[in-house]
N, C-alpha and C. Protein backbone atom coordinates (compact mmCIF):
# COMPACT_ATOMS: atom_id res chain seq x y z
N MET A 1 -27.94 4.26 124.85
CA MET A 1 -28.49 3.52 125.87
C MET A 1 -28.63 2.59 125.97
N ALA A 2 -28.96 1.19 126.33
CA ALA A 2 -28.95 -0.12 126.11
C ALA A 2 -30.49 -0.35 127.27
N SER A 3 -31.78 -0.34 126.71
CA SER A 3 -33.00 -0.23 126.70
C SER A 3 -33.10 -1.05 128.74
N ASN A 4 -32.27 -2.03 128.09
CA ASN A 4 -32.45 -2.59 129.40
C ASN A 4 -31.98 -2.93 130.42
N ILE A 5 -31.79 -2.90 131.52
CA ILE A 5 -31.44 -3.37 132.58
C ILE A 5 -30.82 -4.65 133.27
N ALA A 6 -29.14 -5.13 132.65
CA ALA A 6 -28.53 -6.47 133.14
C ALA A 6 -28.81 -6.85 134.30
N GLN A 7 -28.98 -7.84 134.61
CA GLN A 7 -28.77 -8.20 135.97
C GLN A 7 -27.81 -9.51 136.03
N ASN A 8 -27.01 -9.43 135.39
CA ASN A 8 -25.61 -10.06 135.06
C ASN A 8 -24.78 -10.54 136.21
N TYR A 9 -23.46 -10.90 136.32
CA TYR A 9 -22.80 -11.29 137.32
C TYR A 9 -21.47 -10.05 137.05
N PRO A 10 -20.51 -9.17 138.14
CA PRO A 10 -19.73 -9.21 137.66
C PRO A 10 -18.63 -9.41 137.24
N TYR A 11 -17.52 -8.92 137.01
CA TYR A 11 -16.74 -9.86 135.59
C TYR A 11 -15.26 -10.01 136.77
N SER A 12 -15.38 -8.31 137.43
CA SER A 12 -13.54 -8.08 138.27
C SER A 12 -14.79 -7.22 139.57
N SER A 13 -13.59 -6.13 139.57
CA SER A 13 -13.37 -4.90 140.33
C SER A 13 -12.40 -4.26 140.16
N GLU A 14 -12.53 -2.73 140.36
CA GLU A 14 -11.03 -2.50 140.36
C GLU A 14 -11.52 -1.09 141.28
N SER A 15 -9.64 -0.63 141.54
CA SER A 15 -10.20 0.29 143.43
C SER A 15 -10.55 2.02 141.70
N GLU A 16 -11.15 2.72 143.09
CA GLU A 16 -11.47 4.43 142.79
C GLU A 16 -10.73 4.85 141.42
N GLU A 17 -9.27 4.48 141.67
CA GLU A 17 -8.07 5.65 140.69
C GLU A 17 -8.43 4.61 139.46
N GLU A 18 -8.24 3.86 139.85
CA GLU A 18 -8.38 3.01 138.18
C GLU A 18 -9.47 2.88 137.50
N ARG A 19 -10.78 2.78 138.02
CA ARG A 19 -11.65 3.77 137.55
C ARG A 19 -12.16 4.78 136.73
N ALA A 20 -11.27 6.34 137.87
CA ALA A 20 -11.10 7.13 137.49
C ALA A 20 -10.64 7.51 136.39
N VAL A 21 -9.18 6.93 136.07
CA VAL A 21 -7.98 6.82 135.50
C VAL A 21 -9.00 6.24 133.61
N VAL A 22 -9.95 5.29 133.91
CA VAL A 22 -10.30 5.04 132.36
C VAL A 22 -11.70 5.59 132.06
N VAL A 23 -12.32 5.90 133.11
CA VAL A 23 -13.46 6.96 132.57
C VAL A 23 -13.23 7.86 131.95
N ALA A 24 -12.22 8.84 132.81
CA ALA A 24 -11.82 10.15 132.43
C ALA A 24 -11.20 10.02 130.94
N ARG A 25 -10.40 8.67 130.52
CA ARG A 25 -10.02 8.65 129.02
C ARG A 25 -10.40 8.20 128.12
N THR A 26 -12.21 7.61 128.36
CA THR A 26 -13.10 7.52 127.54
C THR A 26 -13.96 8.23 126.72
N LEU A 27 -14.41 9.14 128.14
CA LEU A 27 -14.94 10.26 127.89
C LEU A 27 -14.37 11.42 126.28
N ALA A 28 -12.99 11.45 126.95
CA ALA A 28 -12.60 12.12 126.06
C ALA A 28 -12.11 11.27 125.00
N SER A 29 -12.35 10.43 124.87
CA SER A 29 -12.24 9.53 123.21
C SER A 29 -12.59 9.77 122.00
N LYS A 30 -14.16 10.03 122.52
CA LYS A 30 -14.88 10.64 121.80
C LYS A 30 -16.09 11.79 122.07
N ASP A 31 -16.09 12.97 120.99
CA ASP A 31 -16.54 14.18 120.75
C ASP A 31 -18.51 14.19 121.31
N GLY A 32 -18.50 14.40 122.41
CA GLY A 32 -19.95 14.94 123.37
C GLY A 32 -20.50 13.79 123.79
N LEU A 33 -19.42 12.43 124.20
CA LEU A 33 -19.85 11.76 125.40
C LEU A 33 -19.55 12.13 126.81
N ALA A 34 -18.83 13.07 127.11
CA ALA A 34 -18.81 13.44 128.75
C ALA A 34 -20.33 14.71 128.65
N ASP A 35 -20.49 14.78 127.92
CA ASP A 35 -21.96 15.74 127.95
C ASP A 35 -23.11 14.75 127.50
N ARG A 36 -23.23 13.95 127.27
CA ARG A 36 -24.18 12.78 127.01
C ARG A 36 -24.15 11.85 128.94
N VAL A 37 -23.49 11.52 128.67
CA VAL A 37 -23.45 10.91 130.12
C VAL A 37 -23.45 11.97 131.44
N LYS A 38 -23.02 12.89 131.26
CA LYS A 38 -23.51 14.35 132.64
C LYS A 38 -25.02 14.43 132.22
N ALA A 39 -25.73 14.28 131.03
CA ALA A 39 -27.29 14.39 131.21
C ALA A 39 -27.90 13.29 131.37
N GLU A 40 -27.17 11.86 131.19
CA GLU A 40 -28.10 10.46 131.14
C GLU A 40 -27.42 10.44 133.24
N SER A 41 -27.32 10.80 133.26
CA SER A 41 -26.74 10.43 134.53
C SER A 41 -26.08 11.17 136.03
N ILE A 42 -26.16 10.69 137.42
CA ILE A 42 -25.93 11.04 138.59
C ILE A 42 -24.57 10.77 138.95
N GLN A 43 -23.57 11.75 140.13
CA GLN A 43 -22.70 11.42 140.30
C GLN A 43 -22.70 10.06 141.41
N ALA A 44 -22.79 9.36 141.57
CA ALA A 44 -22.56 7.98 142.68
C ALA A 44 -21.88 8.61 143.92
N ASP A 45 -22.01 7.94 144.85
CA ASP A 45 -20.76 8.03 146.21
C ASP A 45 -19.26 7.41 146.15
N ARG A 46 -18.71 8.17 146.51
CA ARG A 46 -17.27 7.84 146.52
C ARG A 46 -17.20 6.16 146.83
N GLU A 47 -16.65 5.07 146.15
CA GLU A 47 -16.40 4.07 146.66
C GLU A 47 -14.91 3.22 146.63
N PRO A 48 -14.34 2.46 147.52
CA PRO A 48 -12.55 2.22 147.51
C PRO A 48 -12.79 1.28 146.17
N ARG A 49 -13.96 0.51 146.02
CA ARG A 49 -13.92 -0.66 144.78
C ARG A 49 -15.26 -0.56 144.11
N TRP A 50 -14.78 -0.64 142.43
CA TRP A 50 -16.11 -0.48 141.54
C TRP A 50 -16.45 -1.93 141.11
N TRP A 51 -17.70 -2.91 140.77
CA TRP A 51 -17.79 -4.05 140.03
C TRP A 51 -17.10 -3.41 138.26
N VAL A 52 -17.01 -4.12 138.00
CA VAL A 52 -16.62 -4.19 136.56
C VAL A 52 -17.27 -5.22 135.56
N TRP A 53 -17.94 -4.67 134.38
CA TRP A 53 -18.56 -6.14 133.85
C TRP A 53 -17.97 -6.16 132.62
N LYS A 54 -18.39 -7.12 131.91
CA LYS A 54 -17.67 -7.42 129.93
C LYS A 54 -18.45 -6.58 129.14
N CYS A 55 -18.61 -6.33 128.33
CA CYS A 55 -19.69 -5.40 127.20
C CYS A 55 -20.13 -6.18 126.45
N THR A 56 -21.91 -6.01 126.38
CA THR A 56 -22.03 -6.76 125.80
C THR A 56 -22.28 -6.43 124.22
N THR A 57 -21.84 -5.42 124.09
CA THR A 57 -22.00 -5.42 121.75
C THR A 57 -20.99 -6.53 121.74
N PRO A 58 -21.43 -6.91 120.69
CA PRO A 58 -21.29 -7.81 119.92
C PRO A 58 -19.83 -7.81 119.69
N GLY A 59 -18.58 -8.56 119.83
CA GLY A 59 -17.47 -8.62 118.97
C GLY A 59 -16.58 -7.50 120.63
N CYS A 60 -17.46 -6.44 120.66
CA CYS A 60 -16.05 -5.60 122.22
C CYS A 60 -15.81 -6.85 122.27
N PRO A 61 -14.71 -6.18 122.82
CA PRO A 61 -13.62 -6.80 123.60
C PRO A 61 -13.38 -6.12 125.44
N GLY A 62 -14.12 -4.94 124.87
CA GLY A 62 -14.21 -4.39 126.13
C GLY A 62 -15.03 -4.81 127.78
N LEU A 63 -14.81 -3.40 129.04
CA LEU A 63 -15.21 -3.53 129.93
C LEU A 63 -16.23 -2.68 130.15
N LEU A 64 -16.54 -2.34 131.22
CA LEU A 64 -17.74 -2.12 131.27
C LEU A 64 -17.15 -1.06 132.77
N HIS A 65 -17.22 0.06 132.64
CA HIS A 65 -16.91 0.66 133.90
C HIS A 65 -18.07 1.64 134.84
N SER A 66 -18.19 1.61 135.74
CA SER A 66 -19.03 2.51 136.51
C SER A 66 -18.83 3.80 136.01
N VAL A 67 -19.73 4.58 136.10
CA VAL A 67 -19.59 6.50 135.98
C VAL A 67 -20.56 6.93 136.82
N GLY A 68 -21.41 6.32 136.95
CA GLY A 68 -22.61 7.33 138.11
C GLY A 68 -23.84 5.57 138.56
N LEU A 69 -24.85 6.68 138.53
CA LEU A 69 -26.52 5.60 138.76
C LEU A 69 -27.21 7.28 138.03
N ALA A 70 -27.77 6.11 136.78
CA ALA A 70 -28.92 6.89 135.88
C ALA A 70 -30.08 7.47 136.86
N ARG A 71 -29.85 8.60 136.10
CA ARG A 71 -30.81 10.19 136.36
C ARG A 71 -32.45 9.07 136.24
N ASN A 72 -32.83 7.91 134.71
CA ASN A 72 -34.01 7.57 135.18
C ASN A 72 -34.52 5.97 135.42
N ALA A 73 -33.43 5.70 136.20
CA ALA A 73 -33.54 3.86 136.44
C ALA A 73 -33.00 3.92 137.87
N ARG A 74 -33.18 2.84 138.38
CA ARG A 74 -32.60 2.76 139.77
C ARG A 74 -31.34 1.34 139.48
N ALA A 75 -30.48 2.38 138.80
CA ALA A 75 -29.41 1.20 138.27
C ALA A 75 -27.85 1.90 137.81
N VAL A 76 -26.97 1.47 137.70
CA VAL A 76 -25.65 1.76 138.08
C VAL A 76 -25.54 2.12 136.11
N TYR A 77 -24.75 3.37 136.42
CA TYR A 77 -24.55 3.91 134.86
C TYR A 77 -22.90 3.57 134.35
N THR A 78 -23.03 2.56 133.53
CA THR A 78 -21.77 2.35 132.92
C THR A 78 -21.41 2.64 131.21
N LEU A 79 -19.82 2.89 131.16
CA LEU A 79 -19.51 2.95 130.28
C LEU A 79 -18.63 1.97 129.15
N CYS A 80 -18.38 1.60 128.58
CA CYS A 80 -17.62 1.09 127.37
C CYS A 80 -16.36 1.46 127.24
N ASP A 81 -14.98 0.52 127.71
CA ASP A 81 -13.45 1.37 127.25
C ASP A 81 -13.13 1.31 126.23
N THR A 82 -13.99 0.80 125.64
CA THR A 82 -13.76 0.24 123.90
C THR A 82 -14.09 1.06 122.54
N CYS A 83 -15.88 0.58 123.65
CA CYS A 83 -16.25 1.20 122.10
C CYS A 83 -17.22 2.29 122.53
N ALA A 84 -17.36 2.38 123.87
CA ALA A 84 -18.11 3.50 124.49
C ALA A 84 -19.61 3.77 124.42
N GLN A 85 -20.06 2.93 124.84
CA GLN A 85 -21.19 2.77 124.65
C GLN A 85 -21.50 2.40 125.98
N THR A 86 -23.17 3.03 126.86
CA THR A 86 -23.78 3.22 128.01
C THR A 86 -24.50 1.76 127.99
N PHE A 87 -24.28 1.54 129.59
CA PHE A 87 -25.38 0.30 129.66
C PHE A 87 -26.20 0.96 130.86
N LEU A 88 -26.50 0.14 131.11
CA LEU A 88 -27.34 -0.01 133.01
C LEU A 88 -27.12 -1.34 133.81
N ARG A 89 -26.60 -1.19 134.13
CA ARG A 89 -26.40 -2.68 135.20
C ARG A 89 -26.72 -2.25 136.39
């Protein structure tokens, strides 16, 4: 997980249904990722729309999707749909 909390602007937004599908697919793509996300975040309230950000990993064309709230910081916990890295927003 990135150690800094980014203060950049969102790239786009997505519906709850779109977010849930992408997050589920990404969590299933890497062994242990779902357990890590569960340990490092708490579930956020259900929202009709969620912000999406560009991934900050060099060379990664992915998007960051909200997965919940970080346990150890006041930030949205996000997951990249391409490189499966987690970030705080």
